[in-house]
Protein backbone atom coordinates (compact mmCIF):
# COMPACT_ATOMS: atom_id res chain seq x y z
CA MET A 1 0.00 0.00 0.00
CA SER A 2 1.57 3.26 -1.08
CA GLU A 3 1.94 6.16 1.32
CA LEU A 4 1.25 9.82 0.88
CA PRO A 5 3.82 12.52 1.69
CA THR A 6 3.42 13.89 5.20
CA PRO A 7 3.02 17.67 5.30
CA ALA A 8 4.82 19.61 7.99
CA PRO A 9 2.68 21.11 10.76
CA SER A 10 1.51 24.61 9.94
CA GLU A 11 2.62 27.61 11.94
CA GLU A 12 -0.95 28.07 13.15
CA SER A 13 -1.48 24.79 14.94
CA LYS A 14 -4.88 25.65 16.40
CA GLY A 15 -3.59 25.44 19.94
CA PHE A 16 -2.08 21.97 19.63
CA SER A 17 1.36 21.56 21.16
CA GLU A 18 4.29 20.48 19.01
CA GLU A 19 4.53 17.36 21.16
CA LEU A 20 0.92 16.40 20.47
CA VAL A 21 1.28 17.06 16.73
CA GLU A 22 4.41 14.91 16.61
CA SER A 23 2.86 12.12 18.68
CA ALA A 24 -0.12 12.08 16.33
CA ARG A 25 2.16 12.01 13.29
CA LYS A 26 4.00 9.00 14.68
CA LEU A 27 0.76 7.22 15.57
CA PHE A 28 -0.70 7.56 12.08
CA ALA A 29 2.64 6.72 10.46
CA GLY A 30 2.36 3.31 12.12
CA PRO A 31 -0.09 0.50 11.40
CA VAL A 32 -3.61 1.49 10.35
CA THR A 33 -5.70 -1.45 9.20
CA PHE A 34 -9.29 -2.13 8.24
CA LEU A 35 -11.04 -4.18 10.94
CA LYS A 36 -14.62 -4.78 9.80
CA SER A 37 -17.85 -3.33 8.43
CA ALA A 38 -20.98 -3.30 10.56
CA PRO A 39 -24.29 -3.01 8.71
CA ALA A 40 -26.16 -3.31 12.02
CA LEU A 41 -25.39 -2.83 15.72
CA LYS A 42 -25.08 -6.56 16.35
CA PHE A 43 -21.98 -6.59 14.11
CA LEU A 44 -20.10 -3.89 16.06
CA PRO A 45 -16.65 -4.86 17.38
CA ASP A 46 -16.13 -5.03 21.13
CA PRO A 47 -15.54 -1.49 22.48
CA ILE A 48 -12.05 -2.17 23.83
CA VAL A 49 -10.38 1.11 22.83
CA PRO A 50 -11.52 4.72 22.32
CA GLU A 51 -13.24 5.47 19.01
CA VAL A 52 -13.43 8.59 16.85
CA ALA A 53 -16.12 8.66 14.18
CA VAL A 54 -15.99 10.54 10.88
CA ALA A 55 -19.26 11.76 9.36
CA GLY A 56 -20.11 13.81 6.31
CA ARG A 57 -22.25 14.25 3.22
CA SER A 58 -21.71 11.65 0.55
CA ASN A 59 -19.68 13.97 -1.67
CA VAL A 60 -17.77 15.87 1.01
CA GLY A 61 -14.45 14.06 0.41
CA LYS A 62 -14.56 11.80 3.46
CA SER A 63 -12.62 8.91 1.96
CA SER A 64 -9.92 11.21 0.60
CA LEU A 65 -9.54 12.89 4.00
CA LEU A 66 -9.30 9.55 5.80
CA ASN A 67 -6.61 8.46 3.35
CA ALA A 68 -4.70 11.71 3.89
CA MET A 69 -5.04 11.54 7.67
CA THR A 70 -3.76 7.95 7.78
CA ASN A 71 -1.01 8.72 5.25
CA ARG A 72 -2.20 6.06 2.83
CA ASN A 73 -3.65 6.09 -0.66
CA GLY A 74 -6.13 3.24 -0.45
CA LEU A 75 -7.27 2.77 3.13
CA ALA A 76 -10.75 4.19 2.56
CA ARG A 77 -12.30 3.59 -0.83
CA THR A 78 -13.53 6.52 -2.85
CA SER A 79 -16.64 5.84 -4.87
CA ASN A 80 -17.89 7.17 -8.18
CA THR A 81 -21.39 6.75 -6.81
CA PRO A 82 -21.61 8.53 -3.43
CA GLY A 83 -24.11 7.23 -0.93
CA ARG A 84 -23.67 3.55 -1.68
CA THR A 85 -21.94 2.59 1.56
CA GLN A 86 -24.46 2.17 4.36
CA GLU A 87 -22.25 0.51 6.96
CA LEU A 88 -20.01 1.56 9.82
CA ASN A 89 -16.42 0.82 8.82
CA PHE A 90 -13.88 0.34 11.61
CA PHE A 91 -10.13 0.90 11.31
CA ASP A 92 -7.55 -0.07 13.94
CA VAL A 93 -4.86 2.53 14.59
CA GLY A 94 -1.52 1.85 16.27
CA THR A 95 0.48 -1.03 17.70
CA PRO A 96 -0.39 -1.66 20.43
CA LEU A 97 -3.94 -0.77 19.42
CA THR A 98 -4.50 2.86 20.46
CA LEU A 99 -7.83 3.87 18.92
CA ARG A 100 -10.33 3.05 16.22
CA LEU A 101 -11.56 5.31 13.46
CA VAL A 102 -15.17 4.76 12.50
CA ASP A 103 -16.07 5.74 8.94
CA MET A 104 -19.79 6.46 9.13
CA PRO A 105 -22.02 6.05 6.08
CA GLY A 106 -22.38 9.21 4.03
CA TYR A 107 -25.62 11.12 4.17
CA GLY A 108 -27.57 13.55 2.04
CA PHE A 109 -27.21 11.82 -1.32
CA ALA A 110 -30.22 13.00 -3.31
CA LYS A 111 -30.66 9.81 -5.32
CA ALA A 112 -30.55 7.43 -2.36
CA PRO A 113 -33.73 5.35 -1.99
CA LYS A 114 -35.96 6.26 0.95
CA ASP A 115 -35.41 2.89 2.63
CA MET A 116 -31.65 3.45 2.48
CA VAL A 117 -32.06 6.87 4.10
CA LYS A 118 -34.22 5.32 6.80
CA GLN A 119 -31.66 2.57 7.39
CA TRP A 120 -28.90 5.19 7.67
CA ARG A 121 -30.87 7.18 10.22
CA PHE A 122 -31.59 4.19 12.46
CA LEU A 123 -28.04 2.79 12.28
CA VAL A 124 -26.32 6.11 12.94
CA ASN A 125 -28.70 7.26 15.64
CA ASP A 126 -28.49 3.96 17.55
CA PHE A 127 -24.71 3.92 17.24
CA LEU A 128 -24.33 7.48 18.51
CA ARG A 129 -26.65 6.95 21.46
CA GLY A 130 -25.29 3.62 22.61
CA ARG A 131 -21.54 3.57 21.98
CA GLN A 132 -19.68 4.36 25.20
CA ALA A 133 -16.30 3.97 23.50
CA LEU A 134 -17.12 6.83 21.10
CA LYS A 135 -15.13 9.83 22.33
CA ARG A 136 -15.69 12.30 19.51
CA ALA A 137 -17.11 12.69 16.02
CA LEU A 138 -15.55 14.67 13.21
CA VAL A 139 -18.26 16.23 11.04
CA LEU A 140 -16.93 17.11 7.60
CA ILE A 141 -18.31 20.17 5.82
CA ASP A 142 -17.40 21.23 2.27
CA SER A 143 -15.61 24.60 2.40
CA ARG A 144 -17.27 25.62 -0.85
CA HIS A 145 -20.78 25.35 0.58
CA GLY A 146 -20.60 25.64 4.37
CA ILE A 147 -23.17 24.04 6.65
CA LYS A 148 -26.36 23.04 4.83
CA GLU A 149 -29.69 21.87 6.21
CA VAL A 150 -28.77 18.26 5.48
CA ASP A 151 -25.69 18.71 7.70
CA ARG A 152 -27.74 20.12 10.55
CA GLU A 153 -29.55 16.80 10.91
CA ILE A 154 -26.36 15.02 11.95
CA LEU A 155 -25.33 17.95 14.16
CA GLU A 156 -28.68 17.73 15.95
CA MET A 157 -28.34 13.95 16.30
CA LEU A 158 -24.95 14.44 17.92
CA ASP A 159 -26.29 17.16 20.21
CA ARG A 160 -29.17 14.93 21.32
CA ALA A 161 -26.84 11.98 21.86
CA ALA A 162 -24.41 14.21 23.82
CA VAL A 163 -21.51 13.09 21.61
CA SER A 164 -18.73 15.67 21.47
CA TYR A 165 -17.92 16.66 17.90
CA ARG A 166 -15.62 18.93 15.94
CA ILE A 167 -16.50 20.42 12.57
CA VAL A 168 -13.82 19.93 9.92
CA LEU A 169 -13.91 21.88 6.66
CA THR A 170 -12.78 19.90 3.61
CA LYS A 171 -11.51 21.03 0.20
CA ALA A 172 -10.18 24.27 1.67
CA ASP A 173 -7.82 24.61 -1.30
CA LYS A 174 -10.83 24.99 -3.62
CA VAL A 175 -11.85 28.42 -2.30
CA LYS A 176 -10.09 31.77 -2.04
CA ALA A 177 -8.53 32.72 1.28
CA THR A 178 -11.10 35.45 1.91
CA GLU A 179 -13.98 33.08 1.16
CA LEU A 180 -12.47 30.41 3.41
CA ALA A 181 -12.13 32.91 6.26
CA ALA A 182 -15.79 33.85 5.86
CA VAL A 183 -16.87 30.18 5.87
CA ILE A 184 -14.79 29.52 8.99
CA GLU A 185 -16.36 32.52 10.72
CA ARG A 186 -19.91 31.44 9.87
CA THR A 187 -19.19 27.85 10.89
CA GLU A 188 -17.67 28.89 14.21
CA ALA A 189 -20.71 31.06 14.90
CA GLU A 190 -23.00 28.07 14.41
CA ALA A 191 -20.76 25.77 16.45
CA ARG A 192 -20.95 28.16 19.41
CA LYS A 193 -24.73 27.71 19.45
CA ARG A 194 -24.54 23.92 19.71
CA ALA A 195 -24.13 22.12 23.01
CA ALA A 196 -21.84 19.29 21.91
CA ALA A 197 -19.75 21.15 19.30
CA HIS A 198 -16.08 21.99 19.77
CA PRO A 199 -15.72 25.76 19.36
CA GLU A 200 -12.72 25.63 17.02
CA ILE A 201 -13.01 24.67 13.36
CA LEU A 202 -10.30 22.90 11.39
CA ALA A 203 -9.83 23.70 7.69
CA THR A 204 -8.23 20.92 5.65
CA SER A 205 -7.22 19.89 2.17
CA SER A 206 -6.67 16.25 1.29
CA GLU A 207 -4.74 17.16 -1.85
CA GLY A 208 -2.39 19.78 -0.41
CA GLY A 209 -2.12 18.47 3.14
CA MET A 210 -3.43 21.66 4.73
CA GLY A 211 -4.60 21.05 8.29
CA ILE A 212 -3.86 17.31 8.23
CA PRO A 213 -1.26 17.38 11.05
CA GLU A 214 -3.71 19.37 13.19
CA LEU A 215 -6.52 16.96 12.35
CA ARG A 216 -4.42 14.02 13.53
CA ALA A 217 -3.62 15.95 16.71
CA ALA A 218 -7.34 16.63 17.25
CA VAL A 219 -8.03 12.89 17.05
CA LEU A 220 -5.31 12.08 19.56
CA GLU A 221 -6.47 14.88 21.86
CA ALA A 222 -10.03 13.56 21.76
CA ILE A 223 -9.06 10.19 23.25
CA GLY A 224 -6.69 11.63 25.85
């Protein structure tokens, strides 16, 4: 499996210490392996280590960001038909096992059948409410569009389930700096209104590596 180049931490590290950023880099440079897919709660792995879930619209670039975060090209599959995956995918991180990433099924795909949408809602809602090992969720938002109504459904589910979450902007390299700053400001304003949201927003780019070291640090911080 080929690896991606690791970008250096940015000067603005969003409050993360150099030690935490470096520890996170080392963790994700080590073994990261697919464990299993769970189409229903009865298939979940035993909750033996802390878990961090990743959620986002079907076309938000979730697979690309997971690949960038784990420094691998093919860990999470990208699909030409977003919205197909309706399972919780678990990835083991570290040796000894340190944490698990949970790739949640994408939401908001307009062409998804109603029964698939219903299945997604039940699976995700039950997982969020009942998973004690889940320490934080990362909710991915496309920098070009900001938070949409379809995103607010998952934010409200997380608020109701009292699951701490951090909003992560994707594709930050696709917008101008002034536009990105405006999206960050609007997103932070909405995050401040939500009970379970982390107040700071991370802006990332899977292609350029922007914000990836800080994202890894945020994951490690969440399980600390």
